N, C-alpha and C. Protein backbone atom coordinates (compact mmCIF):
# COMPACT_ATOMS: atom_id res chain seq x y z
N UNK A 1 157.12 210.91 124.78
CA UNK A 1 158.00 211.79 125.51
C UNK A 1 159.18 212.21 124.64
N UNK A 2 158.90 213.04 123.74
CA UNK A 2 159.98 213.56 122.90
C UNK A 2 160.25 215.00 123.30
N UNK A 3 161.41 215.21 123.81
CA UNK A 3 161.81 216.56 124.18
C UNK A 3 162.69 217.14 123.09
N UNK A 4 162.47 218.39 122.80
CA UNK A 4 163.31 219.04 121.82
C UNK A 4 164.49 219.69 122.53
N UNK A 5 165.66 219.43 122.01
CA UNK A 5 166.87 220.00 122.60
C UNK A 5 167.11 221.37 121.99
N UNK A 6 167.47 222.29 122.82
CA UNK A 6 167.76 223.64 122.36
C UNK A 6 169.27 223.79 122.16
N UNK A 7 169.68 224.40 121.06
CA UNK A 7 171.12 224.60 120.85
C UNK A 7 171.70 225.58 121.87
N UNK A 8 172.93 225.33 122.23
CA UNK A 8 173.62 226.19 123.18
C UNK A 8 174.57 227.09 122.42
N UNK A 9 174.54 228.36 122.66
CA UNK A 9 175.44 229.29 122.00
C UNK A 9 176.77 229.33 122.76
N UNK A 10 177.84 228.97 122.05
CA UNK A 10 179.17 229.00 122.66
C UNK A 10 179.94 230.21 122.14
N UNK A 11 180.69 230.86 123.00
CA UNK A 11 181.47 232.02 122.52
C UNK A 11 182.61 231.55 121.62
N UNK A 12 182.86 232.30 120.55
CA UNK A 12 183.97 231.99 119.65
C UNK A 12 185.27 232.45 120.28
N UNK A 13 186.28 231.63 120.16
CA UNK A 13 187.58 231.99 120.70
C UNK A 13 188.31 232.85 119.67
N UNK A 14 188.83 233.94 120.09
CA UNK A 14 189.54 234.84 119.19
C UNK A 14 190.92 234.27 118.89
N UNK A 15 191.25 234.15 117.62
CA UNK A 15 192.56 233.67 117.21
C UNK A 15 193.50 234.87 117.11
N UNK A 16 194.69 234.74 117.66
CA UNK A 16 195.63 235.85 117.56
C UNK A 16 196.07 236.03 116.11
N UNK A 17 196.23 237.27 115.70
CA UNK A 17 196.64 237.57 114.33
C UNK A 17 198.11 237.17 114.15
N UNK A 18 198.39 236.50 113.03
CA UNK A 18 199.76 236.08 112.75
C UNK A 18 200.36 236.98 111.69
N UNK A 19 201.60 237.31 111.89
CA UNK A 19 202.31 238.06 110.86
C UNK A 19 203.06 237.07 110.00
N UNK A 20 203.02 237.29 108.69
CA UNK A 20 203.70 236.39 107.78
C UNK A 20 205.13 236.88 107.55
N UNK A 21 206.03 235.94 107.47
CA UNK A 21 207.41 236.25 107.19
C UNK A 21 207.53 236.59 105.71
N UNK A 22 207.94 237.80 105.40
CA UNK A 22 208.00 238.26 104.00
C UNK A 22 208.92 237.42 103.14
N UNK A 23 210.04 236.97 103.71
CA UNK A 23 210.98 236.16 102.94
C UNK A 23 210.37 234.81 102.56
N UNK A 24 209.64 234.21 103.48
CA UNK A 24 209.00 232.92 103.21
C UNK A 24 207.91 233.08 102.16
N UNK A 25 207.14 234.15 102.25
CA UNK A 25 206.09 234.41 101.28
C UNK A 25 206.70 234.60 99.89
N UNK A 26 207.81 235.32 99.81
CA UNK A 26 208.47 235.55 98.52
C UNK A 26 208.97 234.24 97.93
N UNK A 27 209.48 233.34 98.75
CA UNK A 27 209.94 232.05 98.25
C UNK A 27 208.78 231.24 97.69
N UNK A 28 207.63 231.32 98.32
CA UNK A 28 206.47 230.58 97.86
C UNK A 28 205.97 231.05 96.52
N UNK A 29 206.19 232.28 96.19
CA UNK A 29 205.74 232.81 94.91
C UNK A 29 206.52 232.23 93.74
N UNK A 30 207.73 231.79 93.98
CA UNK A 30 208.56 231.26 92.91
C UNK A 30 208.15 229.86 92.49
N UNK A 31 207.37 229.20 93.29
CA UNK A 31 206.96 227.84 92.97
C UNK A 31 208.10 226.86 93.18
N UNK A 32 208.13 225.79 92.40
CA UNK A 32 209.12 224.75 92.58
C UNK A 32 210.40 224.96 91.81
N UNK A 33 210.51 226.03 91.06
CA UNK A 33 211.70 226.24 90.23
C UNK A 33 213.00 226.30 91.03
N UNK A 34 213.07 227.07 92.12
CA UNK A 34 214.33 227.08 92.89
C UNK A 34 214.67 225.71 93.45
N UNK A 35 213.66 224.97 93.85
CA UNK A 35 213.89 223.63 94.39
C UNK A 35 214.39 222.71 93.29
N UNK A 36 213.81 222.82 92.12
CA UNK A 36 214.20 221.99 90.99
C UNK A 36 215.67 222.22 90.62
N UNK A 37 216.10 223.44 90.69
CA UNK A 37 217.48 223.78 90.31
C UNK A 37 218.50 223.15 91.25
N UNK A 38 218.12 222.89 92.49
CA UNK A 38 219.08 222.36 93.46
C UNK A 38 219.00 220.84 93.61
N UNK A 39 217.99 220.20 93.02
CA UNK A 39 217.82 218.75 93.20
C UNK A 39 218.51 217.98 92.08
N UNK A 40 218.97 216.79 92.44
CA UNK A 40 219.54 215.89 91.44
C UNK A 40 218.40 215.16 90.75
N UNK A 41 218.70 214.53 89.62
CA UNK A 41 217.65 213.81 88.90
C UNK A 41 217.13 212.63 89.72
N UNK A 42 218.00 212.04 90.54
CA UNK A 42 217.58 210.93 91.39
C UNK A 42 216.60 211.40 92.45
N UNK A 43 216.86 212.56 93.07
CA UNK A 43 215.94 213.11 94.07
C UNK A 43 214.59 213.43 93.43
N UNK A 44 214.65 214.02 92.24
CA UNK A 44 213.45 214.40 91.51
C UNK A 44 212.61 213.16 91.21
N UNK A 45 213.28 212.09 90.76
CA UNK A 45 212.60 210.84 90.43
C UNK A 45 211.94 210.23 91.67
N UNK A 46 212.65 210.25 92.80
CA UNK A 46 212.09 209.69 94.04
C UNK A 46 210.84 210.44 94.48
N UNK A 47 210.86 211.76 94.37
CA UNK A 47 209.71 212.56 94.75
C UNK A 47 208.53 212.27 93.82
N UNK A 48 208.81 212.13 92.52
CA UNK A 48 207.75 211.84 91.56
C UNK A 48 207.14 210.47 91.82
N UNK A 49 207.96 209.49 92.15
CA UNK A 49 207.45 208.15 92.47
C UNK A 49 206.56 208.18 93.70
N UNK A 50 207.01 208.89 94.72
CA UNK A 50 206.23 208.99 95.96
C UNK A 50 204.88 209.65 95.70
N UNK A 51 204.87 210.69 94.88
CA UNK A 51 203.62 211.38 94.55
C UNK A 51 202.69 210.47 93.76
N UNK A 52 203.24 209.71 92.82
CA UNK A 52 202.42 208.79 92.02
C UNK A 52 201.80 207.72 92.91
N UNK A 53 202.58 207.18 93.82
CA UNK A 53 202.06 206.16 94.74
C UNK A 53 200.93 206.73 95.60
N UNK A 54 201.09 207.96 96.05
CA UNK A 54 200.05 208.60 96.87
C UNK A 54 198.78 208.79 96.07
N UNK A 55 198.90 209.19 94.80
CA UNK A 55 197.72 209.38 93.98
C UNK A 55 196.99 208.05 93.74
N UNK A 56 197.74 207.01 93.44
CA UNK A 56 197.12 205.70 93.19
C UNK A 56 196.50 205.14 94.46
N UNK A 57 197.11 205.39 95.60
CA UNK A 57 196.56 204.89 96.86
C UNK A 57 195.21 205.54 97.14
N UNK A 58 195.05 206.81 96.79
CA UNK A 58 193.78 207.50 96.99
C UNK A 58 192.69 206.89 96.11
N UNK A 59 193.03 206.54 94.87
CA UNK A 59 192.05 206.00 93.95
C UNK A 59 191.59 204.61 94.36
N UNK A 60 192.49 203.81 94.91
CA UNK A 60 192.15 202.44 95.31
C UNK A 60 191.31 202.43 96.58
N UNK A 61 191.71 203.24 97.53
CA UNK A 61 191.10 203.16 98.85
C UNK A 61 190.05 204.15 99.00
């Protein structure tokens, strides 16, 4: 008694179109340079340490 199941077609939900904020898009094009200019060396070091820990955690686990 093996019955084959038939797939059910579900309607796709339409996602509303989003408008991008031009100012935010322009900031993203600059990369990390503006952020680097405003950070202290201590802040920069803390972010680098956190990133390194995250990378090593991925490799171990």
